[in-house]
Amino acid sequence: MYIFRVLGLVFYQTAAGRCPVQDYLEGQTDVDRALILAKVQAFCEEFPSLVTVSVKPLRGKIWEIRVAGARGAQHRLLYFIALKDLVVLHVFTKKSRKIPARELQQAERRFKEMTT
């Protein structure tokens, strides 16, 4: 796993132990994976005074980290903060101006699963 200074990093896992966020990262090019992980590391080191990381509130306690990938790809990590952990619920490549409803709904389902 990855080690960061201020916040710990937790990826959502299914009941069967599968980690969709890790699967997504492994499916990216080396360049995009490095860019995404660099933003996550910067987030964890800078929190709560984020300087180099672009974030946006989405709904409730779910926020997004914006990552510009190689060749124009736009990656979005949907997360929440739990105590001293950055919990990444869902990650996807954004292909339209708005976040697709299904992507946000997926993060909301995972958030409920982890917090109830």
Protein backbone atom coordinates (compact mmCIF):
# COMPACT_ATOMS: atom_id res chain seq x y z
CA MET A 1 0.00 0.00 0.00
CA TYR A 2 1.03 3.63 -0.15
CA ILE A 3 2.25 5.61 2.89
CA PHE A 4 1.55 9.31 3.32
CA ARG A 5 2.19 11.83 6.11
CA VAL A 6 -0.93 13.65 7.35
CA LEU A 7 -3.77 11.40 6.27
CA GLY A 8 -3.82 7.68 5.81
CA LEU A 9 -5.15 6.24 2.57
CA VAL A 10 -7.98 3.71 2.39
CA PHE A 11 -9.45 2.27 -0.79
CA TYR A 12 -13.00 0.91 -0.75
CA GLN A 13 -13.15 -2.89 -0.75
CA THR A 14 -16.11 -5.10 -1.56
CA ALA A 15 -17.35 -7.70 0.91
CA ALA A 16 -15.51 -10.29 -1.22
CA GLY A 17 -12.25 -8.37 -0.77
CA ARG A 18 -12.05 -6.91 -4.30
CA CYS A 19 -10.67 -3.37 -4.57
CA PRO A 20 -12.20 -1.55 -7.57
CA VAL A 21 -10.05 1.54 -7.03
CA GLN A 22 -6.86 -0.52 -7.13
CA ASP A 23 -8.17 -2.33 -10.21
CA TYR A 24 -8.76 1.02 -11.92
CA LEU A 25 -5.25 2.23 -11.08
CA GLU A 26 -3.69 -0.96 -12.39
CA GLY A 27 -5.62 -0.51 -15.65
CA GLN A 28 -4.11 2.93 -16.31
CA THR A 29 -0.93 3.73 -18.18
CA ASP A 30 2.19 4.16 -16.06
CA VAL A 31 2.05 7.92 -16.65
CA ASP A 32 -1.60 8.30 -15.62
CA ARG A 33 -1.15 6.03 -12.60
CA ALA A 34 1.82 8.15 -11.48
CA LEU A 35 -0.16 11.39 -11.97
CA ILE A 36 -3.12 10.07 -9.98
CA LEU A 37 -0.97 8.77 -7.13
CA ALA A 38 1.01 12.03 -7.02
CA LYS A 39 -2.24 13.98 -6.53
CA VAL A 40 -3.39 11.58 -3.84
CA GLN A 41 -0.04 11.90 -2.08
CA ALA A 42 -0.19 15.71 -2.30
CA PHE A 43 -3.73 15.65 -0.89
CA CYS A 44 -2.68 13.48 2.04
CA GLU A 45 0.36 15.63 2.79
CA GLU A 46 -1.35 19.03 2.42
CA PHE A 47 -4.72 18.32 4.03
CA PRO A 48 -6.60 20.38 5.11
CA SER A 49 -4.82 23.33 3.45
CA LEU A 50 -4.86 22.06 -0.11
CA VAL A 51 -2.63 24.07 -2.41
CA THR A 52 -1.76 21.84 -5.36
CA VAL A 53 -4.85 19.64 -5.45
CA SER A 54 -8.16 20.58 -7.06
CA VAL A 55 -11.17 19.30 -5.10
CA LYS A 56 -14.89 19.93 -5.26
CA PRO A 57 -17.79 19.00 -2.99
CA LEU A 58 -20.35 16.81 -4.73
CA ARG A 59 -23.10 15.63 -2.40
CA GLY A 60 -23.18 15.26 1.35
CA LYS A 61 -19.76 14.16 2.59
CA ILE A 62 -18.63 12.98 -0.84
CA TRP A 63 -16.05 15.13 -2.64
CA GLU A 64 -13.98 14.72 -5.77
CA ILE A 65 -10.26 15.04 -6.46
CA ARG A 66 -9.61 16.20 -10.01
CA VAL A 67 -6.61 14.79 -11.85
CA ALA A 68 -5.60 15.78 -15.36
CA GLY A 69 -4.07 12.73 -16.98
CA ALA A 70 -1.97 12.31 -20.07
CA ARG A 71 -3.48 12.99 -23.48
CA GLY A 72 -6.40 14.96 -22.05
CA ALA A 73 -7.86 12.25 -19.82
CA GLN A 74 -9.70 13.61 -16.79
CA HIS A 75 -9.69 11.28 -13.80
CA ARG A 76 -11.99 11.77 -10.82
CA LEU A 77 -11.55 10.20 -7.42
CA LEU A 78 -14.67 10.33 -5.25
CA TYR A 79 -13.84 10.28 -1.55
CA PHE A 80 -14.71 11.23 1.99
CA ILE A 81 -12.60 11.91 5.07
CA ALA A 82 -13.00 9.54 8.02
CA LEU A 83 -11.05 10.57 11.11
CA LYS A 84 -7.44 10.58 9.82
CA ASP A 85 -8.05 8.71 6.55
CA LEU A 86 -8.71 9.69 2.97
CA VAL A 87 -11.24 7.04 1.89
CA VAL A 88 -11.42 6.68 -1.90
CA LEU A 89 -14.81 5.22 -2.77
CA HIS A 90 -14.77 5.31 -6.54
CA VAL A 91 -12.57 6.46 -9.43
CA PHE A 92 -13.38 6.91 -13.10
CA THR A 93 -12.34 8.73 -16.25
CA LYS A 94 -14.61 11.70 -16.85
CA LYS A 95 -15.74 12.00 -20.46
CA SER A 96 -18.44 14.66 -20.24
CA ARG A 97 -18.91 18.07 -18.63
CA LYS A 98 -21.00 16.75 -15.74
CA ILE A 99 -20.31 13.81 -13.50
CA PRO A 100 -22.51 10.97 -14.72
CA ALA A 101 -25.25 10.16 -12.20
CA ARG A 102 -24.27 6.47 -12.12
CA GLU A 103 -20.74 7.35 -10.99
CA LEU A 104 -21.97 9.48 -8.09
CA GLN A 105 -24.60 6.88 -7.18
CA GLN A 106 -21.88 4.22 -7.05
CA ALA A 107 -19.88 6.36 -4.60
CA GLU A 108 -23.01 7.01 -2.52
CA ARG A 109 -23.78 3.26 -2.29
CA ARG A 110 -20.23 2.54 -1.18
CA PHE A 111 -20.31 5.42 1.33
CA LYS A 112 -23.52 4.02 2.91
CA GLU A 113 -22.01 0.55 2.99
CA MET A 114 -18.91 1.81 4.81
CA THR A 115 -20.64 4.13 7.26
CA THR A 116 -23.64 2.06 8.37
